[in-house]
Amino acid sequence: MSIEERLKELGVELLPPPKPVASYVPVVVSGRVAFLAGQGAIVDGEVMYPGHVGAEVTIDQANEAARRCGLQALAALKEELGSLDRVSRIVNLTVYVSSAPGFTQQPVVANGASDLLIEVFGEAGRHARTAVGVPELPLNLCVEVSVIAEVD
């Protein structure tokens, strides 16, 4: 089954990825590795759940935002590669969580993106991961996700 078919089976529609907000490109492919710029959860040009997790943003909302970041990463990969079937493995995921003081559930938030990648790619979606709390993120994002993928 192709990744496109898998996305349809999951009821997932990839929207065009947001344009960069600064001086960078969304994806750089070097050899067989694709490096994705950080993806923030943006819906119709608006930040999804702005603020700090554990204060203005709940864990469930942040988990949903992390999933949205994963979807945007897939959309950026598809735009760069032409097809997600070129992705042979998700290698690494870094998840930055804008955290209120004392918030320590960053791994739970990161599962939103991790679980999506495993749903889409199966075993090839299992990856190494870092989930870290940060005091602030650009645009008042609650979550930002960066992906490294192996490609054919």
N, C-alpha and C. Protein backbone atom coordinates (compact mmCIF):
# COMPACT_ATOMS: atom_id res chain seq x y z
N MET A 1 0.85 -1.18 0.00
CA MET A 1 0.00 0.00 0.00
C MET A 1 0.89 1.24 0.00
N SER A 2 0.57 2.19 -0.86
CA SER A 2 1.34 3.43 -0.90
C SER A 2 1.01 4.29 0.33
N ILE A 3 1.88 5.24 0.61
CA ILE A 3 1.64 6.14 1.73
C ILE A 3 0.40 7.00 1.46
N GLU A 4 0.21 7.39 0.21
CA GLU A 4 -0.99 8.16 -0.14
C GLU A 4 -2.26 7.36 0.18
N GLU A 5 -2.26 6.07 -0.15
CA GLU A 5 -3.40 5.20 0.15
C GLU A 5 -3.56 5.06 1.67
N ARG A 6 -2.45 4.94 2.36
CA ARG A 6 -2.51 4.82 3.83
C ARG A 6 -3.12 6.08 4.44
N LEU A 7 -2.74 7.25 3.94
CA LEU A 7 -3.31 8.49 4.45
C LEU A 7 -4.82 8.53 4.23
N LYS A 8 -5.27 8.10 3.06
CA LYS A 8 -6.71 8.06 2.77
C LYS A 8 -7.41 7.09 3.71
N GLU A 9 -6.79 5.93 3.94
CA GLU A 9 -7.36 4.93 4.85
C GLU A 9 -7.52 5.51 6.25
N LEU A 10 -6.56 6.35 6.66
CA LEU A 10 -6.61 6.97 7.99
C LEU A 10 -7.52 8.20 8.03
N GLY A 11 -8.03 8.61 6.86
CA GLY A 11 -8.87 9.81 6.80
C GLY A 11 -8.07 11.09 6.96
N VAL A 12 -6.81 11.05 6.56
CA VAL A 12 -5.92 12.20 6.72
C VAL A 12 -5.74 12.90 5.39
N GLU A 13 -5.98 14.20 5.37
CA GLU A 13 -5.75 15.01 4.18
C GLU A 13 -4.61 15.97 4.48
N LEU A 14 -3.61 15.96 3.62
CA LEU A 14 -2.49 16.88 3.77
C LEU A 14 -2.83 18.19 3.08
N LEU A 15 -2.75 19.27 3.83
CA LEU A 15 -2.96 20.59 3.28
C LEU A 15 -1.61 21.14 2.84
N PRO A 16 -1.59 22.13 1.96
CA PRO A 16 -0.30 22.71 1.59
C PRO A 16 0.43 23.22 2.83
N PRO A 17 1.74 22.98 2.90
CA PRO A 17 2.47 23.43 4.09
C PRO A 17 2.53 24.95 4.14
N PRO A 18 2.58 25.52 5.35
CA PRO A 18 2.72 26.98 5.47
C PRO A 18 4.05 27.43 4.87
N LYS A 19 4.07 28.63 4.38
CA LYS A 19 5.31 29.22 3.85
C LYS A 19 6.23 29.58 5.01
N PRO A 20 7.54 29.53 4.80
CA PRO A 20 8.48 29.92 5.86
C PRO A 20 8.23 31.35 6.34
N VAL A 21 8.43 31.57 7.62
CA VAL A 21 8.21 32.89 8.20
C VAL A 21 9.51 33.68 8.35
N ALA A 22 10.63 33.10 7.89
CA ALA A 22 11.92 33.78 8.00
C ALA A 22 12.83 33.28 6.87
N SER A 23 14.12 33.46 7.01
CA SER A 23 15.09 33.14 5.97
C SER A 23 15.57 31.69 6.07
N TYR A 24 14.75 30.77 5.59
CA TYR A 24 15.11 29.35 5.56
C TYR A 24 14.22 28.65 4.54
N VAL A 25 14.58 27.41 4.23
CA VAL A 25 13.74 26.59 3.36
C VAL A 25 13.12 25.49 4.22
N PRO A 26 11.94 24.99 3.85
CA PRO A 26 11.26 23.99 4.68
C PRO A 26 11.97 22.64 4.75
N VAL A 27 12.61 22.23 3.64
CA VAL A 27 13.25 20.91 3.58
C VAL A 27 14.56 21.02 2.82
N VAL A 28 15.59 20.36 3.34
CA VAL A 28 16.85 20.22 2.62
C VAL A 28 17.13 18.73 2.53
N VAL A 29 17.34 18.25 1.29
CA VAL A 29 17.72 16.86 1.07
C VAL A 29 19.20 16.83 0.78
N SER A 30 19.93 16.04 1.56
CA SER A 30 21.36 15.86 1.37
C SER A 30 21.62 14.37 1.29
N GLY A 31 21.98 13.90 0.10
CA GLY A 31 22.15 12.46 -0.08
C GLY A 31 20.82 11.77 0.11
N ARG A 32 20.79 10.84 1.07
CA ARG A 32 19.55 10.09 1.35
C ARG A 32 18.85 10.56 2.62
N VAL A 33 19.17 11.79 3.05
CA VAL A 33 18.58 12.30 4.29
C VAL A 33 17.87 13.62 4.01
N ALA A 34 16.63 13.71 4.50
CA ALA A 34 15.85 14.95 4.41
C ALA A 34 15.77 15.57 5.80
N PHE A 35 16.17 16.82 5.89
CA PHE A 35 16.12 17.58 7.13
C PHE A 35 14.99 18.58 7.00
N LEU A 36 14.04 18.53 7.92
CA LEU A 36 12.91 19.45 7.88
C LEU A 36 13.09 20.55 8.90
N ALA A 37 12.78 21.76 8.46
CA ALA A 37 12.76 22.88 9.39
C ALA A 37 11.64 22.66 10.41
N GLY A 38 11.75 23.32 11.53
CA GLY A 38 10.73 23.19 12.56
C GLY A 38 9.36 23.56 12.02
N GLN A 39 8.38 22.76 12.37
CA GLN A 39 6.99 22.99 11.95
C GLN A 39 6.16 23.36 13.18
N GLY A 40 5.50 24.49 13.10
CA GLY A 40 4.57 24.89 14.14
C GLY A 40 3.16 24.64 13.67
N ALA A 41 2.25 24.42 14.58
CA ALA A 41 0.86 24.13 14.22
C ALA A 41 0.16 25.41 13.79
N ILE A 42 -0.02 25.54 12.46
CA ILE A 42 -0.67 26.71 11.88
C ILE A 42 -1.90 26.22 11.10
N VAL A 43 -3.04 26.80 11.36
CA VAL A 43 -4.28 26.45 10.66
C VAL A 43 -4.86 27.72 10.08
N ASP A 44 -5.05 27.73 8.77
CA ASP A 44 -5.59 28.90 8.07
C ASP A 44 -4.85 30.18 8.45
N GLY A 45 -3.53 30.08 8.55
CA GLY A 45 -2.69 31.23 8.85
C GLY A 45 -2.66 31.64 10.31
N GLU A 46 -3.35 30.89 11.17
CA GLU A 46 -3.40 31.23 12.60
C GLU A 46 -2.71 30.16 13.43
N VAL A 47 -2.05 30.59 14.50
CA VAL A 47 -1.41 29.64 15.42
C VAL A 47 -2.49 28.85 16.14
N MET A 48 -2.31 27.53 16.12
CA MET A 48 -3.23 26.62 16.80
C MET A 48 -2.82 26.54 18.28
N TYR A 49 -3.68 26.92 19.18
CA TYR A 49 -3.43 26.87 20.62
C TYR A 49 -2.17 27.65 21.01
N PRO A 50 -2.18 28.98 20.86
CA PRO A 50 -1.01 29.75 21.27
C PRO A 50 -0.84 29.74 22.79
N GLY A 51 0.41 29.84 23.22
CA GLY A 51 0.70 29.95 24.64
C GLY A 51 1.55 28.83 25.18
N HIS A 52 1.55 28.72 26.49
CA HIS A 52 2.39 27.76 27.20
C HIS A 52 1.56 26.55 27.64
N VAL A 53 2.13 25.37 27.41
CA VAL A 53 1.47 24.14 27.85
C VAL A 53 1.61 24.06 29.37
N GLY A 54 0.49 23.76 30.00
CA GLY A 54 0.44 23.75 31.46
C GLY A 54 -0.08 25.06 32.01
N ALA A 55 -0.34 26.02 31.15
CA ALA A 55 -0.95 27.30 31.56
C ALA A 55 -2.14 27.55 30.63
N GLU A 56 -1.91 28.26 29.51
CA GLU A 56 -3.00 28.59 28.59
C GLU A 56 -3.42 27.40 27.72
N VAL A 57 -2.55 26.42 27.57
CA VAL A 57 -2.78 25.29 26.67
C VAL A 57 -2.77 23.99 27.47
N THR A 58 -3.78 23.14 27.25
CA THR A 58 -3.84 21.85 27.95
C THR A 58 -2.93 20.83 27.26
N ILE A 59 -2.66 19.75 27.95
CA ILE A 59 -1.85 18.67 27.37
C ILE A 59 -2.55 18.11 26.14
N ASP A 60 -3.86 17.91 26.19
CA ASP A 60 -4.59 17.38 25.04
C ASP A 60 -4.51 18.33 23.84
N GLN A 61 -4.64 19.63 24.08
CA GLN A 61 -4.52 20.59 22.99
C GLN A 61 -3.11 20.57 22.39
N ALA A 62 -2.11 20.52 23.25
CA ALA A 62 -0.72 20.49 22.78
C ALA A 62 -0.43 19.20 22.01
N ASN A 63 -1.00 18.09 22.45
CA ASN A 63 -0.84 16.81 21.74
C ASN A 63 -1.45 16.93 20.35
N GLU A 64 -2.62 17.55 20.26
CA GLU A 64 -3.26 17.77 18.96
C GLU A 64 -2.41 18.69 18.08
N ALA A 65 -1.83 19.73 18.69
CA ALA A 65 -0.95 20.63 17.94
C ALA A 65 0.29 19.89 17.44
N ALA A 66 0.84 19.00 18.25
CA ALA A 66 2.00 18.21 17.82
C ALA A 66 1.63 17.32 16.63
N ARG A 67 0.45 16.75 16.67
CA ARG A 67 -0.02 15.94 15.53
C ARG A 67 -0.12 16.82 14.28
N ARG A 68 -0.67 18.01 14.43
CA ARG A 68 -0.76 18.94 13.31
C ARG A 68 0.63 19.27 12.77
N CYS A 69 1.60 19.46 13.66
CA CYS A 69 2.99 19.70 13.22
C CYS A 69 3.49 18.53 12.39
N GLY A 70 3.18 17.31 12.83
CA GLY A 70 3.57 16.12 12.07
C GLY A 70 2.94 16.11 10.69
N LEU A 71 1.67 16.48 10.60
CA LEU A 71 0.99 16.54 9.30
C LEU A 71 1.65 17.58 8.39
N GLN A 72 2.01 18.71 8.97
CA GLN A 72 2.67 19.75 8.18
C GLN A 72 4.04 19.28 7.72
N ALA A 73 4.74 18.52 8.55
CA ALA A 73 6.03 17.97 8.15
C ALA A 73 5.84 17.03 6.96
N LEU A 74 4.81 16.19 7.01
CA LEU A 74 4.53 15.29 5.89
C LEU A 74 4.20 16.07 4.62
N ALA A 75 3.43 17.15 4.76
CA ALA A 75 3.09 17.97 3.61
C ALA A 75 4.34 18.62 3.01
N ALA A 76 5.25 19.09 3.87
CA ALA A 76 6.50 19.69 3.38
C ALA A 76 7.36 18.65 2.67
N LEU A 77 7.43 17.45 3.25
CA LEU A 77 8.18 16.37 2.61
C LEU A 77 7.59 16.02 1.25
N LYS A 78 6.28 15.91 1.20
CA LYS A 78 5.62 15.57 -0.06
C LYS A 78 5.89 16.63 -1.12
N GLU A 79 5.81 17.89 -0.71
CA GLU A 79 6.06 18.98 -1.65
C GLU A 79 7.49 18.93 -2.19
N GLU A 80 8.45 18.61 -1.34
CA GLU A 80 9.85 18.57 -1.75
C GLU A 80 10.18 17.31 -2.56
N LEU A 81 9.65 16.17 -2.14
CA LEU A 81 10.01 14.89 -2.76
C LEU A 81 9.10 14.49 -3.91
N GLY A 82 7.91 15.06 -3.98
CA GLY A 82 6.95 14.68 -5.00
C GLY A 82 6.05 13.54 -4.56
N SER A 83 6.54 12.68 -3.66
CA SER A 83 5.76 11.56 -3.16
C SER A 83 6.31 11.12 -1.81
N LEU A 84 5.40 10.84 -0.88
CA LEU A 84 5.83 10.33 0.43
C LEU A 84 6.33 8.89 0.34
N ASP A 85 6.07 8.23 -0.78
CA ASP A 85 6.60 6.88 -0.95
C ASP A 85 8.12 6.87 -1.04
N ARG A 86 8.72 8.02 -1.25
CA ARG A 86 10.18 8.12 -1.26
C ARG A 86 10.77 8.10 0.15
N VAL A 87 9.94 8.27 1.17
CA VAL A 87 10.42 8.22 2.56
C VAL A 87 10.58 6.76 2.95
N SER A 88 11.80 6.35 3.24
CA SER A 88 12.03 4.96 3.62
C SER A 88 12.02 4.77 5.14
N ARG A 89 12.28 5.85 5.89
CA ARG A 89 12.27 5.74 7.35
C ARG A 89 12.25 7.14 7.95
N ILE A 90 11.51 7.27 9.05
CA ILE A 90 11.61 8.47 9.89
C ILE A 90 12.73 8.17 10.88
N VAL A 91 13.76 8.98 10.87
CA VAL A 91 14.95 8.71 11.66
C VAL A 91 14.88 9.37 13.04
N ASN A 92 14.52 10.66 13.04
CA ASN A 92 14.58 11.42 14.29
C ASN A 92 13.49 12.47 14.32
N LEU A 93 13.00 12.70 15.51
CA LEU A 93 11.98 13.73 15.75
C LEU A 93 12.44 14.54 16.95
N THR A 94 12.43 15.86 16.81
CA THR A 94 12.70 16.74 17.95
C THR A 94 11.46 17.58 18.17
N VAL A 95 10.97 17.56 19.40
CA VAL A 95 9.74 18.28 19.73
C VAL A 95 10.05 19.30 20.82
N TYR A 96 9.78 20.54 20.51
CA TYR A 96 9.97 21.64 21.46
C TYR A 96 8.60 22.03 21.99
N VAL A 97 8.47 22.07 23.29
CA VAL A 97 7.19 22.37 23.92
C VAL A 97 7.34 23.65 24.74
N SER A 98 6.58 24.67 24.39
CA SER A 98 6.56 25.91 25.16
C SER A 98 5.89 25.59 26.49
N SER A 99 6.69 25.53 27.53
CA SER A 99 6.24 24.96 28.81
C SER A 99 6.11 26.01 29.90
N ALA A 100 4.99 25.94 30.61
CA ALA A 100 4.81 26.76 31.80
C ALA A 100 5.78 26.27 32.86
N PRO A 101 6.16 27.12 33.82
CA PRO A 101 7.04 26.67 34.89
C PRO A 101 6.47 25.43 35.58
N GLY A 102 7.31 24.44 35.77
CA GLY A 102 6.90 23.22 36.45
C GLY A 102 6.28 22.17 35.55
N PHE A 103 6.01 22.48 34.27
CA PHE A 103 5.43 21.50 33.37
C PHE A 103 6.50 20.51 32.93
N THR A 104 6.21 19.21 33.10
CA THR A 104 7.22 18.18 32.81
C THR A 104 6.68 17.04 31.93
N GLN A 105 5.57 17.25 31.28
CA GLN A 105 4.95 16.20 30.47
C GLN A 105 5.24 16.35 28.97
N GLN A 106 6.40 16.88 28.62
CA GLN A 106 6.77 17.07 27.22
C GLN A 106 6.67 15.78 26.40
N PRO A 107 7.07 14.61 26.94
CA PRO A 107 6.94 13.38 26.15
C PRO A 107 5.49 13.05 25.78
N VAL A 108 4.55 13.36 26.64
CA VAL A 108 3.13 13.11 26.34
C VAL A 108 2.69 14.00 25.18
N VAL A 109 3.11 15.24 25.18
CA VAL A 109 2.80 16.17 24.09
C VAL A 109 3.41 15.65 22.79
N ALA A 110 4.67 15.24 22.86
CA ALA A 110 5.39 14.77 21.66
C ALA A 110 4.75 13.55 21.03
N ASN A 111 4.03 12.76 21.82
CA ASN A 111 3.37 11.57 21.27
C ASN A 111 2.39 11.92 20.16
N GLY A 112 1.87 13.13 20.14
CA GLY A 112 0.95 13.53 19.08
C GLY A 112 1.61 13.39 17.71
N ALA A 113 2.84 13.84 17.59
CA ALA A 113 3.57 13.71 16.32
C ALA A 113 4.10 12.29 16.13
N SER A 114 4.65 11.71 17.18
CA SER A 114 5.22 10.36 17.08
C SER A 114 4.16 9.34 16.66
N ASP A 115 3.02 9.37 17.30
CA ASP A 115 1.97 8.40 16.99
C ASP A 115 1.49 8.54 15.56
N LEU A 116 1.38 9.79 15.07
CA LEU A 116 0.98 10.01 13.68
C LEU A 116 1.97 9.36 12.72
N LEU A 117 3.25 9.57 12.93
CA LEU A 117 4.26 9.03 12.02
C LEU A 117 4.26 7.50 12.02
N ILE A 118 4.00 6.91 13.17
CA ILE A 118 3.91 5.44 13.25
C ILE A 118 2.64 4.95 12.55
N GLU A 119 1.53 5.67 12.72
CA GLU A 119 0.28 5.31 12.02
C GLU A 119 0.49 5.32 10.51
N VAL A 120 1.19 6.32 10.02
CA VAL A 120 1.36 6.50 8.58
C VAL A 120 2.39 5.53 8.00
N PHE A 121 3.54 5.42 8.64
CA PHE A 121 4.66 4.65 8.07
C PHE A 121 4.85 3.28 8.69
N GLY A 122 4.07 2.94 9.71
CA GLY A 122 4.26 1.65 10.37
C GLY A 122 5.62 1.59 11.05
N GLU A 123 6.29 0.44 10.99
CA GLU A 123 7.59 0.28 11.64
C GLU A 123 8.61 1.30 11.14
N ALA A 124 8.52 1.69 9.87
CA ALA A 124 9.45 2.68 9.32
C ALA A 124 9.21 4.07 9.92
N GLY A 125 8.11 4.23 10.63
CA GLY A 125 7.82 5.51 11.29
C GLY A 125 8.35 5.59 12.71
N ARG A 126 8.82 4.46 13.25
CA ARG A 126 9.41 4.47 14.61
C ARG A 126 10.74 5.19 14.53
N HIS A 127 10.99 6.07 15.47
CA HIS A 127 12.12 6.98 15.37
C HIS A 127 12.74 7.25 16.73
N ALA A 128 13.96 7.77 16.69
CA ALA A 128 14.56 8.33 17.90
C ALA A 128 13.89 9.68 18.13
N ARG A 129 13.86 10.12 19.39
CA ARG A 129 13.13 11.36 19.67
C ARG A 129 13.71 12.10 20.86
N THR A 130 13.63 13.41 20.77
CA THR A 130 13.93 14.28 21.89
C THR A 130 12.73 15.18 22.10
N ALA A 131 12.26 15.29 23.33
CA ALA A 131 11.16 16.19 23.67
C ALA A 131 11.65 17.11 24.78
N VAL A 132 11.69 18.39 24.50
CA VAL A 132 12.24 19.34 25.47
C VAL A 132 11.27 20.48 25.73
N GLY A 133 11.32 20.97 26.94
CA GLY A 133 10.55 22.14 27.32
C GLY A 133 11.38 23.39 27.10
N VAL A 134 10.76 24.40 26.53
CA VAL A 134 11.42 25.68 26.30
C VAL A 134 10.52 26.80 26.84
N PRO A 135 11.12 27.93 27.19
CA PRO A 135 10.31 29.02 27.76
C PRO A 135 9.42 29.73 26.74
N GLU A 136 9.85 29.81 25.49
CA GLU A 136 9.08 30.51 24.45
C GLU A 136 9.38 29.87 23.11
N LEU A 137 8.42 29.97 22.18
CA LEU A 137 8.61 29.55 20.80
C LEU A 137 8.17 30.69 19.88
N PRO A 138 8.70 30.73 18.65
CA PRO A 138 8.28 31.79 17.72
C PRO A 138 6.77 31.80 17.53
N LEU A 139 6.24 32.99 17.30
CA LEU A 139 4.81 33.20 17.01
C LEU A 139 3.90 32.78 18.15
N ASN A 140 4.45 32.54 19.34
CA ASN A 140 3.70 32.06 20.50
C ASN A 140 3.16 30.65 20.28
N LEU A 141 3.87 29.86 19.45
CA LEU A 141 3.50 28.46 19.25
C LEU A 141 3.58 27.71 20.57
N CYS A 142 2.72 26.71 20.74
CA CYS A 142 2.84 25.87 21.93
C CYS A 142 3.77 24.68 21.68
N VAL A 143 3.92 24.30 20.40
CA VAL A 143 4.75 23.15 20.03
C VAL A 143 5.42 23.43 18.69
N GLU A 144 6.66 22.97 18.55
CA GLU A 144 7.35 22.99 17.26
C GLU A 144 8.04 21.64 17.09
N VAL A 145 7.94 21.08 15.88
CA VAL A 145 8.45 19.74 15.61
C VAL A 145 9.42 19.80 14.44
N SER A 146 10.56 19.14 14.60
CA SER A 146 11.55 19.02 13.54
C SER A 146 11.76 17.54 13.25
N VAL A 147 11.89 17.19 11.96
CA VAL A 147 11.97 15.79 11.53
C VAL A 147 13.22 15.58 10.67
N ILE A 148 13.84 14.42 10.84
CA ILE A 148 14.87 13.94 9.93
C ILE A 148 14.39 12.62 9.38
N ALA A 149 14.39 12.50 8.05
CA ALA A 149 13.90 11.29 7.40
C ALA A 149 14.93 10.76 6.41
N GLU A 150 14.96 9.44 6.27
CA GLU A 150 15.76 8.81 5.24
C GLU A 150 14.89 8.70 4.00
N VAL A 151 15.45 9.01 2.84
CA VAL A 151 14.69 8.98 1.60
C VAL A 151 15.41 8.16 0.54
N ASP A 152 14.63 7.66 -0.42
CA ASP A 152 15.19 6.93 -1.57
C ASP A 152 15.41 7.88 -2.71
